[in-house]
Amino acid sequence: MNKTKRCLLDLTLAVLCVGIGLLLPWGFRWVANGEQVLLLLQLPVLLCGMLCGPAYGLSCGMLIVLLPRFFPGAPGAAVLSTGELWELAIYGFLAGLLTYLLAAAPPVLNVSVSLLGAMLLGRVFCGLLDAFVFVPHYTWGAWVRESFVICLPGIVLQLAVVPLVTLALRRSGIAAEP
């Protein structure tokens, strides 16, 4: 596949991930604290980073937070969360970066290690941002509770869905190998 077609396919996948990120909170609005518990916004951002690369992952994370502000009545349109903007951008960037850094590894290992690394490093970086920039009096216990306890169903969902979708799209030729 030539470079132009590959770039166009990556752009299409990134736009699809942004669209999914905009629709998921609306589709699961009946779940109490669905975005916090199921990590609905992180799923498409991680997918975008792993499928399209770090630049697309970073852009996808930022657009998912910024675009609802332009649509009245959209879920999450009321408040711009700077912490959430950084969090999603970091997750997308790290997922893409780790995928490309581990390109020599077998596909299953590449996807698994990249996903786990992005999830852990993203949580650490966001915890540091909260502690030093966004949340006064942020504690270790609050970080563990927010990053691992409350969102445990979302972590399990990410570990189940992201590798399956990523590997399936790569095997079908829709997404490029890193």
N, C-alpha and C. Protein backbone atom coordinates (compact mmCIF):
# COMPACT_ATOMS: atom_id res chain seq x y z
N MET A 1 0.86 -1.17 0.00
CA MET A 1 0.00 0.00 0.00
C MET A 1 0.90 1.24 0.00
N ASN A 2 0.59 2.18 -0.87
CA ASN A 2 1.45 3.36 -0.94
C ASN A 2 1.20 4.29 0.24
N LYS A 3 2.09 5.25 0.39
CA LYS A 3 2.08 6.11 1.57
C LYS A 3 0.82 6.97 1.65
N THR A 4 0.32 7.45 0.52
CA THR A 4 -0.87 8.29 0.52
C THR A 4 -2.09 7.51 1.01
N LYS A 5 -2.26 6.29 0.52
CA LYS A 5 -3.39 5.47 0.94
C LYS A 5 -3.28 5.13 2.43
N ARG A 6 -2.06 4.85 2.89
CA ARG A 6 -1.85 4.52 4.30
C ARG A 6 -2.20 5.70 5.19
N CYS A 7 -1.78 6.91 4.80
CA CYS A 7 -2.09 8.11 5.58
C CYS A 7 -3.59 8.37 5.60
N LEU A 8 -4.23 8.16 4.46
CA LEU A 8 -5.68 8.35 4.38
C LEU A 8 -6.42 7.33 5.25
N LEU A 9 -5.95 6.10 5.24
CA LEU A 9 -6.57 5.06 6.07
C LEU A 9 -6.36 5.35 7.56
N ASP A 10 -5.16 5.80 7.93
CA ASP A 10 -4.90 6.17 9.32
C ASP A 10 -5.78 7.34 9.76
N LEU A 11 -5.93 8.32 8.89
CA LEU A 11 -6.79 9.46 9.19
C LEU A 11 -8.24 9.02 9.36
N THR A 12 -8.69 8.12 8.50
CA THR A 12 -10.06 7.60 8.60
C THR A 12 -10.27 6.84 9.90
N LEU A 13 -9.29 6.01 10.29
CA LEU A 13 -9.39 5.29 11.56
C LEU A 13 -9.40 6.25 12.74
N ALA A 14 -8.59 7.31 12.68
CA ALA A 14 -8.55 8.29 13.76
C ALA A 14 -9.88 9.02 13.88
N VAL A 15 -10.47 9.41 12.75
CA VAL A 15 -11.77 10.08 12.77
C VAL A 15 -12.84 9.14 13.31
N LEU A 16 -12.77 7.88 12.95
CA LEU A 16 -13.71 6.89 13.47
C LEU A 16 -13.56 6.75 14.99
N CYS A 17 -12.34 6.74 15.49
CA CYS A 17 -12.11 6.66 16.93
C CYS A 17 -12.64 7.90 17.65
N VAL A 18 -12.47 9.08 17.06
CA VAL A 18 -13.02 10.30 17.65
C VAL A 18 -14.54 10.20 17.70
N GLY A 19 -15.15 9.73 16.61
CA GLY A 19 -16.60 9.57 16.59
C GLY A 19 -17.10 8.59 17.64
N ILE A 20 -16.38 7.49 17.79
CA ILE A 20 -16.75 6.52 18.83
C ILE A 20 -16.61 7.15 20.21
N GLY A 21 -15.55 7.93 20.40
CA GLY A 21 -15.34 8.60 21.69
C GLY A 21 -16.42 9.61 22.00
N LEU A 22 -17.01 10.22 20.98
CA LEU A 22 -18.09 11.17 21.20
C LEU A 22 -19.42 10.47 21.46
N LEU A 23 -19.61 9.29 20.87
CA LEU A 23 -20.88 8.59 21.01
C LEU A 23 -20.97 7.66 22.21
N LEU A 24 -19.85 7.10 22.65
CA LEU A 24 -19.89 6.15 23.77
C LEU A 24 -20.50 6.74 25.06
N PRO A 25 -20.11 7.94 25.48
CA PRO A 25 -20.73 8.47 26.70
C PRO A 25 -22.24 8.65 26.55
N TRP A 26 -22.66 9.03 25.36
CA TRP A 26 -24.10 9.19 25.12
C TRP A 26 -24.80 7.83 25.16
N GLY A 27 -24.18 6.80 24.60
CA GLY A 27 -24.78 5.47 24.57
C GLY A 27 -24.85 4.81 25.93
N PHE A 28 -23.97 5.19 26.84
CA PHE A 28 -23.93 4.59 28.17
C PHE A 28 -24.31 5.58 29.25
N ARG A 29 -25.11 6.57 28.91
CA ARG A 29 -25.48 7.60 29.89
C ARG A 29 -26.35 7.04 31.02
N TRP A 30 -26.95 5.89 30.81
CA TRP A 30 -27.79 5.27 31.83
C TRP A 30 -26.96 4.60 32.93
N VAL A 31 -25.66 4.39 32.70
CA VAL A 31 -24.79 3.81 33.72
C VAL A 31 -24.31 4.93 34.64
N ALA A 32 -24.56 4.78 35.94
CA ALA A 32 -24.14 5.80 36.90
C ALA A 32 -22.62 5.91 36.89
N ASN A 33 -22.10 7.12 36.68
CA ASN A 33 -20.66 7.37 36.59
C ASN A 33 -20.00 6.49 35.54
N GLY A 34 -20.69 6.28 34.42
CA GLY A 34 -20.21 5.38 33.37
C GLY A 34 -18.84 5.74 32.82
N GLU A 35 -18.58 7.04 32.66
CA GLU A 35 -17.28 7.44 32.12
C GLU A 35 -16.16 7.12 33.09
N GLN A 36 -16.41 7.26 34.39
CA GLN A 36 -15.38 6.97 35.38
C GLN A 36 -15.20 5.47 35.60
N VAL A 37 -16.31 4.74 35.62
CA VAL A 37 -16.25 3.32 35.94
C VAL A 37 -15.81 2.49 34.74
N LEU A 38 -16.37 2.77 33.56
CA LEU A 38 -16.07 1.97 32.37
C LEU A 38 -14.95 2.56 31.50
N LEU A 39 -14.47 3.74 31.83
CA LEU A 39 -13.40 4.40 31.08
C LEU A 39 -13.74 4.47 29.59
N LEU A 40 -14.93 4.96 29.31
CA LEU A 40 -15.44 4.97 27.94
C LEU A 40 -14.63 5.84 26.99
N LEU A 41 -14.05 6.90 27.48
CA LEU A 41 -13.29 7.78 26.60
C LEU A 41 -11.89 7.24 26.32
N GLN A 42 -11.36 6.44 27.21
CA GLN A 42 -10.01 5.91 27.01
C GLN A 42 -9.97 4.82 25.95
N LEU A 43 -11.05 4.07 25.80
CA LEU A 43 -11.07 2.97 24.82
C LEU A 43 -10.72 3.44 23.40
N PRO A 44 -11.47 4.39 22.84
CA PRO A 44 -11.13 4.80 21.47
C PRO A 44 -9.78 5.51 21.37
N VAL A 45 -9.36 6.19 22.43
CA VAL A 45 -8.08 6.89 22.40
C VAL A 45 -6.93 5.88 22.38
N LEU A 46 -7.01 4.85 23.21
CA LEU A 46 -5.99 3.81 23.20
C LEU A 46 -5.95 3.09 21.86
N LEU A 47 -7.13 2.80 21.32
CA LEU A 47 -7.20 2.15 20.01
C LEU A 47 -6.56 3.02 18.94
N CYS A 48 -6.88 4.28 18.94
CA CYS A 48 -6.35 5.20 17.95
C CYS A 48 -4.82 5.27 18.05
N GLY A 49 -4.30 5.39 19.23
CA GLY A 49 -2.85 5.43 19.40
C GLY A 49 -2.18 4.16 18.91
N MET A 50 -2.77 3.01 19.22
CA MET A 50 -2.15 1.75 18.83
C MET A 50 -2.29 1.48 17.34
N LEU A 51 -3.37 1.93 16.73
CA LEU A 51 -3.59 1.66 15.32
C LEU A 51 -2.94 2.69 14.40
N CYS A 52 -2.94 3.95 14.81
CA CYS A 52 -2.53 5.03 13.90
C CYS A 52 -1.23 5.72 14.30
N GLY A 53 -0.80 5.58 15.52
CA GLY A 53 0.45 6.20 15.94
C GLY A 53 0.26 7.25 17.01
N PRO A 54 1.38 7.73 17.56
CA PRO A 54 1.31 8.66 18.69
C PRO A 54 0.68 10.01 18.36
N ALA A 55 0.93 10.55 17.18
CA ALA A 55 0.37 11.87 16.83
C ALA A 55 -1.15 11.80 16.70
N TYR A 56 -1.64 10.76 16.05
CA TYR A 56 -3.08 10.59 15.93
C TYR A 56 -3.72 10.30 17.29
N GLY A 57 -3.05 9.49 18.12
CA GLY A 57 -3.57 9.19 19.45
C GLY A 57 -3.69 10.43 20.31
N LEU A 58 -2.66 11.28 20.27
CA LEU A 58 -2.68 12.53 21.02
C LEU A 58 -3.81 13.43 20.52
N SER A 59 -3.93 13.55 19.22
CA SER A 59 -4.99 14.39 18.63
C SER A 59 -6.38 13.86 18.95
N CYS A 60 -6.53 12.55 18.89
CA CYS A 60 -7.82 11.93 19.20
C CYS A 60 -8.21 12.23 20.65
N GLY A 61 -7.27 12.08 21.56
CA GLY A 61 -7.55 12.36 22.97
C GLY A 61 -7.97 13.79 23.20
N MET A 62 -7.32 14.72 22.53
CA MET A 62 -7.66 16.13 22.70
C MET A 62 -9.02 16.45 22.06
N LEU A 63 -9.27 15.91 20.87
CA LEU A 63 -10.52 16.20 20.18
C LEU A 63 -11.74 15.64 20.90
N ILE A 64 -11.59 14.48 21.52
CA ILE A 64 -12.72 13.87 22.23
C ILE A 64 -13.15 14.75 23.41
N VAL A 65 -12.20 15.46 24.00
CA VAL A 65 -12.54 16.35 25.10
C VAL A 65 -13.03 17.71 24.59
N LEU A 66 -12.43 18.21 23.53
CA LEU A 66 -12.75 19.56 23.06
C LEU A 66 -14.00 19.64 22.20
N LEU A 67 -14.27 18.66 21.35
CA LEU A 67 -15.40 18.75 20.41
C LEU A 67 -16.78 18.86 21.06
N PRO A 68 -17.06 18.17 22.17
CA PRO A 68 -18.41 18.33 22.75
C PRO A 68 -18.73 19.76 23.17
N ARG A 69 -17.74 20.58 23.38
CA ARG A 69 -17.99 21.97 23.77
C ARG A 69 -18.65 22.75 22.64
N PHE A 70 -18.53 22.26 21.40
CA PHE A 70 -19.11 22.94 20.25
C PHE A 70 -20.51 22.45 19.90
N PHE A 71 -20.98 21.38 20.56
CA PHE A 71 -22.30 20.82 20.29
C PHE A 71 -23.18 20.98 21.51
N PRO A 72 -24.16 21.88 21.47
CA PRO A 72 -25.04 22.07 22.63
C PRO A 72 -25.80 20.77 22.95
N GLY A 73 -25.87 20.46 24.22
CA GLY A 73 -26.60 19.27 24.65
C GLY A 73 -25.80 17.99 24.61
N ALA A 74 -24.57 18.04 24.13
CA ALA A 74 -23.74 16.83 24.09
C ALA A 74 -23.31 16.47 25.51
N PRO A 75 -23.17 15.16 25.80
CA PRO A 75 -22.71 14.77 27.13
C PRO A 75 -21.33 15.36 27.41
N GLY A 76 -21.17 15.93 28.59
CA GLY A 76 -19.90 16.49 28.99
C GLY A 76 -19.59 17.84 28.39
N ALA A 77 -20.58 18.48 27.77
CA ALA A 77 -20.33 19.75 27.09
C ALA A 77 -20.27 20.92 28.06
N ALA A 78 -20.74 20.73 29.28
CA ALA A 78 -20.85 21.85 30.21
C ALA A 78 -19.49 22.35 30.71
N VAL A 79 -18.60 21.43 31.04
CA VAL A 79 -17.35 21.84 31.68
C VAL A 79 -16.16 21.31 30.88
N LEU A 80 -15.17 22.14 30.72
CA LEU A 80 -13.93 21.71 30.09
C LEU A 80 -12.98 21.27 31.20
N SER A 81 -12.66 20.01 31.22
CA SER A 81 -11.76 19.48 32.23
C SER A 81 -10.35 19.43 31.65
N THR A 82 -9.49 20.32 32.13
CA THR A 82 -8.12 20.35 31.65
C THR A 82 -7.39 19.06 32.01
N GLY A 83 -7.69 18.52 33.18
CA GLY A 83 -7.08 17.26 33.59
C GLY A 83 -7.46 16.13 32.65
N GLU A 84 -8.73 16.08 32.26
CA GLU A 84 -9.19 15.04 31.35
C GLU A 84 -8.57 15.21 29.96
N LEU A 85 -8.41 16.45 29.54
CA LEU A 85 -7.77 16.74 28.26
C LEU A 85 -6.34 16.18 28.25
N TRP A 86 -5.58 16.47 29.29
CA TRP A 86 -4.21 15.96 29.38
C TRP A 86 -4.20 14.44 29.50
N GLU A 87 -5.11 13.91 30.30
CA GLU A 87 -5.14 12.47 30.52
C GLU A 87 -5.33 11.71 29.21
N LEU A 88 -6.35 12.08 28.45
CA LEU A 88 -6.63 11.35 27.21
C LEU A 88 -5.53 11.56 26.18
N ALA A 89 -5.00 12.77 26.11
CA ALA A 89 -3.91 13.03 25.16
C ALA A 89 -2.69 12.18 25.51
N ILE A 90 -2.39 12.05 26.79
CA ILE A 90 -1.24 11.25 27.23
C ILE A 90 -1.47 9.77 26.92
N TYR A 91 -2.67 9.26 27.19
CA TYR A 91 -2.96 7.85 26.89
C TYR A 91 -2.78 7.55 25.41
N GLY A 92 -3.33 8.39 24.55
CA GLY A 92 -3.21 8.16 23.12
C GLY A 92 -1.77 8.22 22.64
N PHE A 93 -1.03 9.22 23.13
CA PHE A 93 0.37 9.37 22.74
C PHE A 93 1.20 8.18 23.20
N LEU A 94 1.05 7.78 24.47
CA LEU A 94 1.84 6.66 25.00
C LEU A 94 1.50 5.35 24.31
N ALA A 95 0.23 5.12 24.01
CA ALA A 95 -0.15 3.88 23.33
C ALA A 95 0.52 3.80 21.96
N GLY A 96 0.51 4.90 21.22
CA GLY A 96 1.15 4.90 19.91
C GLY A 96 2.66 4.80 20.00
N LEU A 97 3.25 5.53 20.93
CA LEU A 97 4.71 5.53 21.08
C LEU A 97 5.22 4.15 21.48
N LEU A 98 4.59 3.54 22.47
CA LEU A 98 5.04 2.21 22.91
C LEU A 98 4.82 1.16 21.84
N THR A 99 3.75 1.29 21.06
CA THR A 99 3.51 0.34 19.97
C THR A 99 4.64 0.41 18.96
N TYR A 100 5.07 1.62 18.62
CA TYR A 100 6.16 1.76 17.65
C TYR A 100 7.52 1.42 18.24
N LEU A 101 7.73 1.67 19.52
CA LEU A 101 9.00 1.30 20.14
C LEU A 101 9.17 -0.21 20.25
N LEU A 102 8.05 -0.92 20.38
CA LEU A 102 8.09 -2.38 20.51
C LEU A 102 7.70 -3.07 19.20
N ALA A 103 7.96 -2.42 18.08
CA ALA A 103 7.54 -2.95 16.77
C ALA A 103 8.21 -4.28 16.44
N ALA A 104 9.39 -4.55 16.96
CA ALA A 104 10.10 -5.78 16.65
C ALA A 104 9.53 -6.99 17.39
N ALA A 105 8.73 -6.76 18.41
CA ALA A 105 8.16 -7.86 19.19
C ALA A 105 7.06 -8.55 18.40
N PRO A 106 6.75 -9.80 18.73
CA PRO A 106 5.61 -10.47 18.09
C PRO A 106 4.32 -9.67 18.32
N PRO A 107 3.36 -9.74 17.40
CA PRO A 107 2.17 -8.88 17.48
C PRO A 107 1.42 -8.94 18.82
N VAL A 108 1.21 -10.13 19.36
CA VAL A 108 0.45 -10.23 20.61
C VAL A 108 1.22 -9.58 21.75
N LEU A 109 2.51 -9.81 21.79
CA LEU A 109 3.35 -9.20 22.83
C LEU A 109 3.41 -7.69 22.66
N ASN A 110 3.53 -7.24 21.42
CA ASN A 110 3.57 -5.80 21.12
C ASN A 110 2.32 -5.11 21.65
N VAL A 111 1.17 -5.66 21.31
CA VAL A 111 -0.10 -5.04 21.72
C VAL A 111 -0.27 -5.10 23.23
N SER A 112 0.01 -6.25 23.84
CA SER A 112 -0.20 -6.41 25.28
C SER A 112 0.71 -5.51 26.10
N VAL A 113 1.98 -5.50 25.79
CA VAL A 113 2.93 -4.69 26.55
C VAL A 113 2.67 -3.20 26.31
N SER A 114 2.36 -2.83 25.07
CA SER A 114 2.07 -1.43 24.78
C SER A 114 0.84 -0.95 25.53
N LEU A 115 -0.20 -1.77 25.56
CA LEU A 115 -1.42 -1.40 26.26
C LEU A 115 -1.19 -1.28 27.76
N LEU A 116 -0.56 -2.28 28.34
CA LEU A 116 -0.28 -2.22 29.78
C LEU A 116 0.63 -1.05 30.13
N GLY A 117 1.64 -0.83 29.32
CA GLY A 117 2.55 0.29 29.56
C GLY A 117 1.84 1.63 29.47
N ALA A 118 1.00 1.79 28.45
CA ALA A 118 0.26 3.05 28.29
C ALA A 118 -0.70 3.26 29.45
N MET A 119 -1.36 2.19 29.88
CA MET A 119 -2.30 2.31 30.98
C MET A 119 -1.58 2.69 32.28
N LEU A 120 -0.48 2.03 32.58
CA LEU A 120 0.24 2.30 33.82
C LEU A 120 0.96 3.66 33.79
N LEU A 121 1.71 3.92 32.72
CA LEU A 121 2.42 5.19 32.63
C LEU A 121 1.46 6.37 32.55
N GLY A 122 0.34 6.18 31.86
CA GLY A 122 -0.67 7.24 31.79
C GLY A 122 -1.26 7.55 33.15
N ARG A 123 -1.52 6.51 33.93
CA ARG A 123 -2.07 6.74 35.28
C ARG A 123 -1.05 7.42 36.19
N VAL A 124 0.20 7.03 36.07
CA VAL A 124 1.24 7.67 36.88
C VAL A 124 1.38 9.14 36.50
N PHE A 125 1.46 9.42 35.20
CA PHE A 125 1.62 10.80 34.75
C PHE A 125 0.42 11.65 35.15
N CYS A 126 -0.78 11.11 35.00
CA CYS A 126 -1.98 11.86 35.39
C CYS A 126 -2.06 12.06 36.89
N GLY A 127 -1.62 11.07 37.66
CA GLY A 127 -1.56 11.24 39.11
C GLY A 127 -0.59 12.35 39.51
N LEU A 128 0.54 12.40 38.82
CA LEU A 128 1.51 13.48 39.09
C LEU A 128 0.95 14.84 38.70
N LEU A 129 0.26 14.92 37.58
CA LEU A 129 -0.38 16.18 37.18
C LEU A 129 -1.42 16.61 38.20
N ASP A 130 -2.24 15.66 38.65
CA ASP A 130 -3.25 16.00 39.66
C ASP A 130 -2.59 16.47 40.95
N ALA A 131 -1.55 15.77 41.37
CA ALA A 131 -0.90 16.09 42.64
C ALA A 131 -0.20 17.45 42.61
N PHE A 132 0.42 17.79 41.49
CA PHE A 132 1.23 18.99 41.46
C PHE A 132 0.60 20.17 40.73
N VAL A 133 -0.46 19.93 39.93
CA VAL A 133 -1.01 21.03 39.13
C VAL A 133 -2.50 21.25 39.38
N PHE A 134 -3.32 20.21 39.25
CA PHE A 134 -4.76 20.41 39.17
C PHE A 134 -5.53 20.29 40.48
N VAL A 135 -5.14 19.38 41.37
CA VAL A 135 -5.94 19.09 42.56
C VAL A 135 -5.13 19.41 43.82
N PRO A 136 -5.52 20.43 44.57
CA PRO A 136 -4.81 20.70 45.81
C PRO A 136 -5.04 19.59 46.84
N HIS A 137 -4.03 19.27 47.59
CA HIS A 137 -4.11 18.26 48.66
C HIS A 137 -4.44 16.87 48.11
N TYR A 138 -3.93 16.55 46.95
CA TYR A 138 -4.14 15.23 46.33
C TYR A 138 -3.31 14.21 47.09
N THR A 139 -3.90 13.07 47.43
CA THR A 139 -3.20 12.08 48.25
C THR A 139 -2.94 10.80 47.47
N TRP A 140 -2.04 10.00 48.03
CA TRP A 140 -1.71 8.70 47.47
C TRP A 140 -2.96 7.81 47.43
N GLY A 141 -3.73 7.84 48.49
CA GLY A 141 -4.96 7.03 48.56
C GLY A 141 -5.98 7.44 47.51
N ALA A 142 -6.10 8.73 47.29
CA ALA A 142 -7.03 9.20 46.26
C ALA A 142 -6.58 8.74 44.89
N TRP A 143 -5.28 8.76 44.63
CA TRP A 143 -4.77 8.32 43.33
C TRP A 143 -5.05 6.83 43.12
N VAL A 144 -4.78 6.00 44.12
CA VAL A 144 -5.02 4.56 43.99
C VAL A 144 -6.51 4.30 43.79
N ARG A 145 -7.36 4.98 44.56
CA ARG A 145 -8.80 4.79 44.43
C ARG A 145 -9.30 5.20 43.03
N GLU A 146 -8.87 6.37 42.56
CA GLU A 146 -9.34 6.86 41.26
C GLU A 146 -8.73 6.09 40.09
N SER A 147 -7.49 5.66 40.22
CA SER A 147 -6.79 5.05 39.10
C SER A 147 -6.97 3.54 38.98
N PHE A 148 -7.29 2.88 40.08
CA PHE A 148 -7.33 1.42 40.02
C PHE A 148 -8.60 0.80 40.62
N VAL A 149 -9.18 1.40 41.65
CA VAL A 149 -10.30 0.76 42.35
C VAL A 149 -11.63 1.09 41.68
N ILE A 150 -11.93 2.37 41.56
CA ILE A 150 -13.22 2.78 40.99
C ILE A 150 -13.37 2.28 39.56
N CYS A 151 -12.29 2.33 38.79
CA CYS A 151 -12.37 2.03 37.36
C CYS A 151 -11.96 0.60 37.02
N LEU A 152 -11.98 -0.31 37.99
CA LEU A 152 -11.59 -1.69 37.71
C LEU A 152 -12.39 -2.33 36.58
N PRO A 153 -13.72 -2.14 36.50
CA PRO A 153 -14.44 -2.69 35.34
C PRO A 153 -13.94 -2.13 34.01
N GLY A 154 -13.58 -0.86 33.99
CA GLY A 154 -13.05 -0.25 32.77
C GLY A 154 -11.68 -0.80 32.40
N ILE A 155 -10.86 -1.07 33.39
CA ILE A 155 -9.54 -1.65 33.13
C ILE A 155 -9.70 -3.03 32.52
N VAL A 156 -10.60 -3.83 33.07
CA VAL A 156 -10.85 -5.17 32.53
C VAL A 156 -11.40 -5.06 31.10
N LEU A 157 -12.30 -4.11 30.88
CA LEU A 157 -12.86 -3.89 29.54
C LEU A 157 -11.76 -3.51 28.55
N GLN A 158 -10.86 -2.63 28.94
CA GLN A 158 -9.76 -2.23 28.06
C GLN A 158 -8.84 -3.41 27.75
N LEU A 159 -8.52 -4.20 28.77
CA LEU A 159 -7.63 -5.34 28.57
C LEU A 159 -8.27 -6.41 27.68
N ALA A 160 -9.59 -6.45 27.64
CA ALA A 160 -10.28 -7.44 26.80
C ALA A 160 -10.50 -6.93 25.38
N VAL A 161 -10.91 -5.68 25.23
CA VAL A 161 -11.36 -5.17 23.94
C VAL A 161 -10.21 -4.65 23.07
N VAL A 162 -9.33 -3.85 23.63
CA VAL A 162 -8.30 -3.18 22.82
C VAL A 162 -7.38 -4.17 22.10
N PRO A 163 -6.84 -5.20 22.78
CA PRO A 163 -5.98 -6.13 22.03
C PRO A 163 -6.73 -6.88 20.93
N LEU A 164 -7.96 -7.30 21.21
CA LEU A 164 -8.72 -8.04 20.20
C LEU A 164 -8.99 -7.19 18.96
N VAL A 165 -9.43 -5.97 19.17
CA VAL A 165 -9.74 -5.10 18.03
C VAL A 165 -8.48 -4.73 17.28
N THR A 166 -7.42 -4.41 18.00
CA THR A 166 -6.16 -4.02 17.37
C THR A 166 -5.60 -5.16 16.51
N LEU A 167 -5.53 -6.34 17.08
CA LEU A 167 -4.99 -7.48 16.33
C LEU A 167 -5.89 -7.85 15.15
N ALA A 168 -7.19 -7.78 15.32
CA ALA A 168 -8.11 -8.10 14.22
C ALA A 168 -7.96 -7.11 13.07
N LEU A 169 -7.86 -5.82 13.37
CA LEU A 169 -7.70 -4.82 12.32
C LEU A 169 -6.34 -4.92 11.63
N ARG A 170 -5.33 -5.30 12.37
CA ARG A 170 -4.01 -5.48 11.75
C ARG A 170 -3.99 -6.70 10.84
N ARG A 171 -4.60 -7.79 11.29
CA ARG A 171 -4.61 -9.01 10.48
C ARG A 171 -5.43 -8.84 9.21
N SER A 172 -6.48 -8.03 9.30
CA SER A 172 -7.32 -7.81 8.12
C SER A 172 -6.69 -6.83 7.14
N GLY A 173 -5.64 -6.14 7.55
CA GLY A 173 -4.96 -5.20 6.67
C GLY A 173 -5.51 -3.78 6.76
N ILE A 174 -6.52 -3.58 7.57
CA ILE A 174 -7.08 -2.23 7.72
C ILE A 174 -6.12 -1.32 8.45
N ALA A 175 -5.50 -1.85 9.49
CA ALA A 175 -4.49 -1.08 10.24
C ALA A 175 -3.12 -1.62 9.89
N ALA A 176 -2.15 -0.74 9.85
CA ALA A 176 -0.79 -1.13 9.48
C ALA A 176 -0.06 -1.73 10.67
N GLU A 177 0.88 -2.61 10.37
CA GLU A 177 1.77 -3.11 11.41
C GLU A 177 2.70 -1.96 11.80
N PRO A 178 3.08 -1.87 13.06
CA PRO A 178 3.97 -0.75 13.46
C PRO A 178 5.34 -0.87 12.83
